[in-house]
Amino acid sequence: MGIVVRQSFLNLISIGIAFLIGAVNTLYLYPTFLGSKLQGLIIALLAISNLLQPFISFGTQHAVIRYYSKYTKKTDKDGLLTLSIIIPLVIVILFAPIFYAYYDQIRQFLFQNDQKQQSN
């Protein structure tokens, strides 16, 4: 039971430090160095990245957590880790041409409110 309590305490400390760093970034660094417009953009990009990450990784992080300890051979473990890198890379390579082909439309969609306000 001592190991569980120790790990829980260390996790609590590391999560507390992460919250503290996030609070300093959000409350002090973003407004000071980026201003209100860029702060909103950064927060929107972080939210979008958190939503897209499970689709881009295709759930490989969960497969690694679940199956890594079940493999006994080093080659099997290395194969799982290699696959966990290759699958998101393939998905990014497939979506990159689509992004570059529709870059202007994506940019106009994301900044349509900004353009309307500037023209008024």
N, C-alpha and C. Protein backbone atom coordinates (compact mmCIF):
# COMPACT_ATOMS: atom_id res chain seq x y z
N MET A 1 0.81 -1.19 0.00
CA MET A 1 0.00 0.00 0.00
C MET A 1 0.85 1.25 0.00
N GLY A 2 2.08 1.18 0.49
CA GLY A 2 2.96 2.34 0.54
C GLY A 2 3.32 2.84 -0.85
N ILE A 3 3.45 1.93 -1.81
CA ILE A 3 3.78 2.31 -3.18
C ILE A 3 2.63 3.10 -3.80
N VAL A 4 1.41 2.66 -3.56
CA VAL A 4 0.24 3.34 -4.13
C VAL A 4 0.12 4.75 -3.55
N VAL A 5 0.30 4.89 -2.25
CA VAL A 5 0.21 6.19 -1.61
C VAL A 5 1.32 7.11 -2.13
N ARG A 6 2.53 6.57 -2.27
CA ARG A 6 3.66 7.37 -2.76
C ARG A 6 3.42 7.83 -4.19
N GLN A 7 2.96 6.93 -5.07
CA GLN A 7 2.68 7.29 -6.45
C GLN A 7 1.54 8.29 -6.54
N SER A 8 0.53 8.13 -5.71
CA SER A 8 -0.59 9.07 -5.71
C SER A 8 -0.12 10.45 -5.29
N PHE A 9 0.73 10.50 -4.28
CA PHE A 9 1.26 11.78 -3.83
C PHE A 9 2.12 12.43 -4.92
N LEU A 10 2.97 11.66 -5.56
CA LEU A 10 3.80 12.22 -6.64
C LEU A 10 2.95 12.69 -7.82
N ASN A 11 1.91 11.94 -8.14
CA ASN A 11 1.00 12.36 -9.21
C ASN A 11 0.29 13.66 -8.82
N LEU A 12 -0.11 13.77 -7.58
CA LEU A 12 -0.76 14.99 -7.10
C LEU A 12 0.17 16.19 -7.22
N ILE A 13 1.43 16.00 -6.86
CA ILE A 13 2.41 17.08 -6.95
C ILE A 13 2.64 17.47 -8.41
N SER A 14 2.82 16.49 -9.30
CA SER A 14 3.08 16.82 -10.71
C SER A 14 1.88 17.48 -11.37
N ILE A 15 0.67 17.05 -11.04
CA ILE A 15 -0.53 17.69 -11.59
C ILE A 15 -0.67 19.10 -11.05
N GLY A 16 -0.36 19.30 -9.80
CA GLY A 16 -0.40 20.65 -9.22
C GLY A 16 0.58 21.59 -9.90
N ILE A 17 1.78 21.11 -10.19
CA ILE A 17 2.78 21.92 -10.90
C ILE A 17 2.29 22.23 -12.32
N ALA A 18 1.69 21.25 -12.98
CA ALA A 18 1.17 21.47 -14.33
C ALA A 18 0.06 22.51 -14.32
N PHE A 19 -0.85 22.46 -13.34
CA PHE A 19 -1.90 23.47 -13.23
C PHE A 19 -1.30 24.86 -12.96
N LEU A 20 -0.29 24.90 -12.15
CA LEU A 20 0.36 26.18 -11.84
C LEU A 20 1.00 26.78 -13.09
N ILE A 21 1.70 25.97 -13.87
CA ILE A 21 2.30 26.45 -15.11
C ILE A 21 1.22 26.91 -16.08
N GLY A 22 0.15 26.15 -16.21
CA GLY A 22 -0.96 26.54 -17.08
C GLY A 22 -1.61 27.83 -16.64
N ALA A 23 -1.77 28.01 -15.35
CA ALA A 23 -2.37 29.24 -14.83
C ALA A 23 -1.48 30.45 -15.11
N VAL A 24 -0.18 30.29 -14.92
CA VAL A 24 0.75 31.39 -15.21
C VAL A 24 0.71 31.73 -16.70
N ASN A 25 0.68 30.71 -17.56
CA ASN A 25 0.60 30.96 -19.00
C ASN A 25 -0.68 31.70 -19.35
N THR A 26 -1.81 31.22 -18.87
CA THR A 26 -3.10 31.78 -19.26
C THR A 26 -3.35 33.15 -18.65
N LEU A 27 -2.99 33.34 -17.40
CA LEU A 27 -3.33 34.59 -16.72
C LEU A 27 -2.27 35.69 -16.88
N TYR A 28 -1.01 35.32 -17.09
CA TYR A 28 0.03 36.35 -17.15
C TYR A 28 0.74 36.40 -18.50
N LEU A 29 1.28 35.28 -18.95
CA LEU A 29 2.14 35.31 -20.14
C LEU A 29 1.36 35.58 -21.42
N TYR A 30 0.23 34.91 -21.64
CA TYR A 30 -0.54 35.13 -22.86
C TYR A 30 -1.00 36.58 -23.00
N PRO A 31 -1.67 37.17 -21.99
CA PRO A 31 -2.10 38.56 -22.16
C PRO A 31 -0.94 39.56 -22.27
N THR A 32 0.15 39.29 -21.57
CA THR A 32 1.26 40.22 -21.57
C THR A 32 1.99 40.24 -22.90
N PHE A 33 2.29 39.07 -23.44
CA PHE A 33 3.12 39.01 -24.64
C PHE A 33 2.32 38.87 -25.93
N LEU A 34 1.12 38.34 -25.88
CA LEU A 34 0.37 38.10 -27.11
C LEU A 34 -0.75 39.10 -27.35
N GLY A 35 -1.31 39.66 -26.32
CA GLY A 35 -2.46 40.53 -26.49
C GLY A 35 -3.74 39.70 -26.56
N SER A 36 -4.87 40.38 -26.57
CA SER A 36 -6.15 39.68 -26.48
C SER A 36 -6.49 38.90 -27.76
N LYS A 37 -6.15 39.43 -28.94
CA LYS A 37 -6.50 38.72 -30.17
C LYS A 37 -5.69 37.44 -30.32
N LEU A 38 -4.39 37.52 -30.10
CA LEU A 38 -3.57 36.32 -30.25
C LEU A 38 -3.80 35.33 -29.12
N GLN A 39 -4.17 35.82 -27.94
CA GLN A 39 -4.48 34.90 -26.84
C GLN A 39 -5.67 34.04 -27.20
N GLY A 40 -6.70 34.64 -27.78
CA GLY A 40 -7.87 33.87 -28.22
C GLY A 40 -7.52 32.87 -29.29
N LEU A 41 -6.63 33.26 -30.21
CA LEU A 41 -6.20 32.35 -31.27
C LEU A 41 -5.45 31.16 -30.69
N ILE A 42 -4.55 31.41 -29.76
CA ILE A 42 -3.78 30.32 -29.14
C ILE A 42 -4.71 29.37 -28.39
N ILE A 43 -5.65 29.91 -27.64
CA ILE A 43 -6.57 29.06 -26.90
C ILE A 43 -7.44 28.24 -27.85
N ALA A 44 -7.87 28.86 -28.96
CA ALA A 44 -8.66 28.13 -29.95
C ALA A 44 -7.83 27.02 -30.59
N LEU A 45 -6.57 27.30 -30.92
CA LEU A 45 -5.71 26.26 -31.50
C LEU A 45 -5.46 25.12 -30.53
N LEU A 46 -5.28 25.43 -29.26
CA LEU A 46 -5.10 24.37 -28.26
C LEU A 46 -6.34 23.52 -28.13
N ALA A 47 -7.51 24.15 -28.16
CA ALA A 47 -8.76 23.39 -28.06
C ALA A 47 -8.96 22.51 -29.29
N ILE A 48 -8.67 23.05 -30.48
CA ILE A 48 -8.79 22.26 -31.70
C ILE A 48 -7.82 21.09 -31.69
N SER A 49 -6.60 21.33 -31.24
CA SER A 49 -5.62 20.25 -31.21
C SER A 49 -6.03 19.15 -30.23
N ASN A 50 -6.66 19.54 -29.11
CA ASN A 50 -7.13 18.52 -28.17
C ASN A 50 -8.29 17.71 -28.74
N LEU A 51 -9.08 18.32 -29.60
CA LEU A 51 -10.18 17.60 -30.22
C LEU A 51 -9.71 16.69 -31.36
N LEU A 52 -8.71 17.13 -32.10
CA LEU A 52 -8.25 16.37 -33.26
C LEU A 52 -7.25 15.26 -32.92
N GLN A 53 -6.54 15.40 -31.82
CA GLN A 53 -5.50 14.44 -31.48
C GLN A 53 -5.98 12.99 -31.44
N PRO A 54 -7.13 12.67 -30.84
CA PRO A 54 -7.55 11.27 -30.84
C PRO A 54 -7.80 10.71 -32.24
N PHE A 55 -8.27 11.57 -33.16
CA PHE A 55 -8.52 11.10 -34.51
C PHE A 55 -7.22 10.92 -35.28
N ILE A 56 -6.27 11.82 -35.09
CA ILE A 56 -5.00 11.73 -35.80
C ILE A 56 -4.18 10.55 -35.29
N SER A 57 -4.18 10.32 -33.99
CA SER A 57 -3.40 9.21 -33.44
C SER A 57 -4.09 7.87 -33.64
N PHE A 58 -5.38 7.91 -33.98
CA PHE A 58 -6.14 6.70 -34.27
C PHE A 58 -6.18 5.75 -33.08
N GLY A 59 -6.04 6.31 -31.87
CA GLY A 59 -6.12 5.51 -30.65
C GLY A 59 -4.89 4.68 -30.33
N THR A 60 -3.77 4.98 -30.98
CA THR A 60 -2.58 4.16 -30.75
C THR A 60 -2.03 4.29 -29.34
N GLN A 61 -2.23 5.46 -28.70
CA GLN A 61 -1.72 5.61 -27.34
C GLN A 61 -2.39 4.63 -26.39
N HIS A 62 -3.68 4.33 -26.62
CA HIS A 62 -4.37 3.37 -25.77
C HIS A 62 -3.89 1.94 -26.05
N ALA A 63 -3.57 1.66 -27.30
CA ALA A 63 -3.05 0.33 -27.64
C ALA A 63 -1.69 0.10 -27.00
N VAL A 64 -0.86 1.13 -26.97
CA VAL A 64 0.45 1.00 -26.34
C VAL A 64 0.29 0.75 -24.85
N ILE A 65 -0.58 1.51 -24.22
CA ILE A 65 -0.80 1.33 -22.78
C ILE A 65 -1.33 -0.06 -22.48
N ARG A 66 -2.23 -0.54 -23.31
CA ARG A 66 -2.88 -1.82 -23.03
C ARG A 66 -1.99 -3.03 -23.35
N TYR A 67 -1.29 -2.99 -24.48
CA TYR A 67 -0.62 -4.19 -24.96
C TYR A 67 0.89 -4.21 -24.75
N TYR A 68 1.52 -3.10 -24.41
CA TYR A 68 2.98 -3.08 -24.28
C TYR A 68 3.46 -4.06 -23.22
N SER A 69 2.80 -4.10 -22.09
CA SER A 69 3.25 -4.97 -21.00
C SER A 69 2.96 -6.45 -21.29
N LYS A 70 2.08 -6.72 -22.24
CA LYS A 70 1.75 -8.12 -22.55
C LYS A 70 2.79 -8.77 -23.46
N TYR A 71 3.55 -7.95 -24.19
CA TYR A 71 4.60 -8.50 -25.05
C TYR A 71 5.82 -8.83 -24.21
N THR A 72 6.41 -9.98 -24.50
CA THR A 72 7.61 -10.38 -23.77
C THR A 72 8.86 -10.20 -24.60
N LYS A 73 8.75 -10.33 -25.91
CA LYS A 73 9.92 -10.18 -26.78
C LYS A 73 10.16 -8.71 -27.09
N LYS A 74 11.45 -8.35 -27.16
CA LYS A 74 11.81 -6.98 -27.48
C LYS A 74 11.36 -6.60 -28.88
N THR A 75 11.40 -7.53 -29.83
CA THR A 75 10.99 -7.21 -31.20
C THR A 75 9.49 -6.91 -31.27
N ASP A 76 8.69 -7.60 -30.47
CA ASP A 76 7.26 -7.32 -30.44
C ASP A 76 6.98 -5.93 -29.85
N LYS A 77 7.69 -5.60 -28.77
CA LYS A 77 7.53 -4.28 -28.16
C LYS A 77 7.96 -3.18 -29.12
N ASP A 78 9.10 -3.40 -29.79
CA ASP A 78 9.58 -2.41 -30.75
C ASP A 78 8.61 -2.26 -31.92
N GLY A 79 8.02 -3.36 -32.35
CA GLY A 79 7.03 -3.29 -33.43
C GLY A 79 5.81 -2.49 -33.04
N LEU A 80 5.34 -2.66 -31.81
CA LEU A 80 4.18 -1.89 -31.33
C LEU A 80 4.51 -0.41 -31.25
N LEU A 81 5.69 -0.08 -30.75
CA LEU A 81 6.08 1.32 -30.66
C LEU A 81 6.27 1.94 -32.04
N THR A 82 6.83 1.18 -32.95
CA THR A 82 7.00 1.67 -34.32
C THR A 82 5.64 1.91 -34.97
N LEU A 83 4.73 1.00 -34.78
CA LEU A 83 3.38 1.16 -35.32
C LEU A 83 2.69 2.38 -34.72
N SER A 84 2.93 2.65 -33.44
CA SER A 84 2.30 3.80 -32.80
C SER A 84 2.85 5.12 -33.33
N ILE A 85 4.00 5.09 -33.96
CA ILE A 85 4.55 6.29 -34.60
C ILE A 85 4.13 6.36 -36.06
N ILE A 86 4.08 5.24 -36.73
CA ILE A 86 3.79 5.22 -38.16
C ILE A 86 2.34 5.57 -38.46
N ILE A 87 1.38 5.08 -37.68
CA ILE A 87 -0.04 5.33 -37.96
C ILE A 87 -0.36 6.83 -37.94
N PRO A 88 0.00 7.59 -36.90
CA PRO A 88 -0.29 9.04 -36.96
C PRO A 88 0.48 9.74 -38.08
N LEU A 89 1.69 9.28 -38.37
CA LEU A 89 2.47 9.88 -39.45
C LEU A 89 1.78 9.68 -40.80
N VAL A 90 1.25 8.50 -41.04
CA VAL A 90 0.54 8.23 -42.29
C VAL A 90 -0.72 9.10 -42.38
N ILE A 91 -1.44 9.24 -41.29
CA ILE A 91 -2.65 10.06 -41.30
C ILE A 91 -2.31 11.51 -41.58
N VAL A 92 -1.24 12.02 -40.99
CA VAL A 92 -0.82 13.40 -41.26
C VAL A 92 -0.39 13.56 -42.72
N ILE A 93 0.32 12.59 -43.25
CA ILE A 93 0.75 12.66 -44.65
C ILE A 93 -0.46 12.63 -45.59
N LEU A 94 -1.48 11.89 -45.23
CA LEU A 94 -2.69 11.86 -46.06
C LEU A 94 -3.47 13.18 -46.00
N PHE A 95 -3.52 13.81 -44.84
CA PHE A 95 -4.29 15.04 -44.70
C PHE A 95 -3.52 16.29 -45.10
N ALA A 96 -2.21 16.26 -45.15
CA ALA A 96 -1.42 17.45 -45.50
C ALA A 96 -1.76 17.98 -46.89
N PRO A 97 -1.87 17.15 -47.94
CA PRO A 97 -2.24 17.72 -49.25
C PRO A 97 -3.64 18.34 -49.25
N ILE A 98 -4.56 17.76 -48.51
CA ILE A 98 -5.90 18.34 -48.42
C ILE A 98 -5.84 19.70 -47.74
N PHE A 99 -5.05 19.80 -46.68
CA PHE A 99 -4.91 21.07 -45.99
C PHE A 99 -4.30 22.12 -46.91
N TYR A 100 -3.24 21.77 -47.62
CA TYR A 100 -2.60 22.75 -48.51
C TYR A 100 -3.48 23.10 -49.70
N ALA A 101 -4.29 22.18 -50.16
CA ALA A 101 -5.18 22.47 -51.29
C ALA A 101 -6.29 23.43 -50.88
N TYR A 102 -6.78 23.32 -49.65
CA TYR A 102 -7.88 24.15 -49.19
C TYR A 102 -7.44 25.16 -48.14
N TYR A 103 -6.18 25.54 -48.16
CA TYR A 103 -5.64 26.45 -47.14
C TYR A 103 -6.38 27.79 -47.14
N ASP A 104 -6.62 28.37 -48.31
CA ASP A 104 -7.28 29.67 -48.37
C ASP A 104 -8.71 29.61 -47.83
N GLN A 105 -9.43 28.54 -48.16
CA GLN A 105 -10.79 28.40 -47.65
C GLN A 105 -10.80 28.22 -46.13
N ILE A 106 -9.86 27.45 -45.62
CA ILE A 106 -9.75 27.25 -44.17
C ILE A 106 -9.42 28.57 -43.48
N ARG A 107 -8.48 29.30 -44.05
CA ARG A 107 -8.08 30.59 -43.47
C ARG A 107 -9.25 31.57 -43.48
N GLN A 108 -9.98 31.64 -44.58
CA GLN A 108 -11.13 32.55 -44.65
C GLN A 108 -12.21 32.15 -43.66
N PHE A 109 -12.42 30.85 -43.49
CA PHE A 109 -13.43 30.39 -42.53
C PHE A 109 -13.03 30.75 -41.11
N LEU A 110 -11.76 30.56 -40.76
CA LEU A 110 -11.32 30.83 -39.39
C LEU A 110 -11.28 32.31 -39.07
N PHE A 111 -11.00 33.14 -40.05
CA PHE A 111 -10.84 34.57 -39.80
C PHE A 111 -11.95 35.40 -40.43
N GLN A 112 -13.12 34.83 -40.66
CA GLN A 112 -14.20 35.58 -41.30
C GLN A 112 -14.72 36.71 -40.42
N ASN A 113 -14.80 36.54 -39.13
CA ASN A 113 -15.24 37.62 -38.24
C ASN A 113 -14.23 38.74 -38.18
N ASP A 114 -12.95 38.41 -38.23
CA ASP A 114 -11.89 39.40 -38.23
C ASP A 114 -11.97 40.28 -39.47
N GLN A 115 -12.22 39.70 -40.62
CA GLN A 115 -12.30 40.46 -41.87
C GLN A 115 -13.53 41.36 -41.89
N LYS A 116 -14.66 40.91 -41.34
CA LYS A 116 -15.86 41.72 -41.29
C LYS A 116 -15.67 42.93 -40.39
N GLN A 117 -14.98 42.75 -39.27
CA GLN A 117 -14.76 43.85 -38.34
C GLN A 117 -13.79 44.87 -38.91
N GLN A 118 -12.79 44.43 -39.66
CA GLN A 118 -11.83 45.34 -40.23
C GLN A 118 -12.42 46.18 -41.34
N SER A 119 -13.40 45.65 -42.10
CA SER A 119 -13.99 46.40 -43.19
C SER A 119 -14.96 47.46 -42.69
N ASN A 120 -15.49 47.33 -41.48
CA ASN A 120 -16.44 48.32 -40.92
C ASN A 120 -15.75 49.53 -40.37
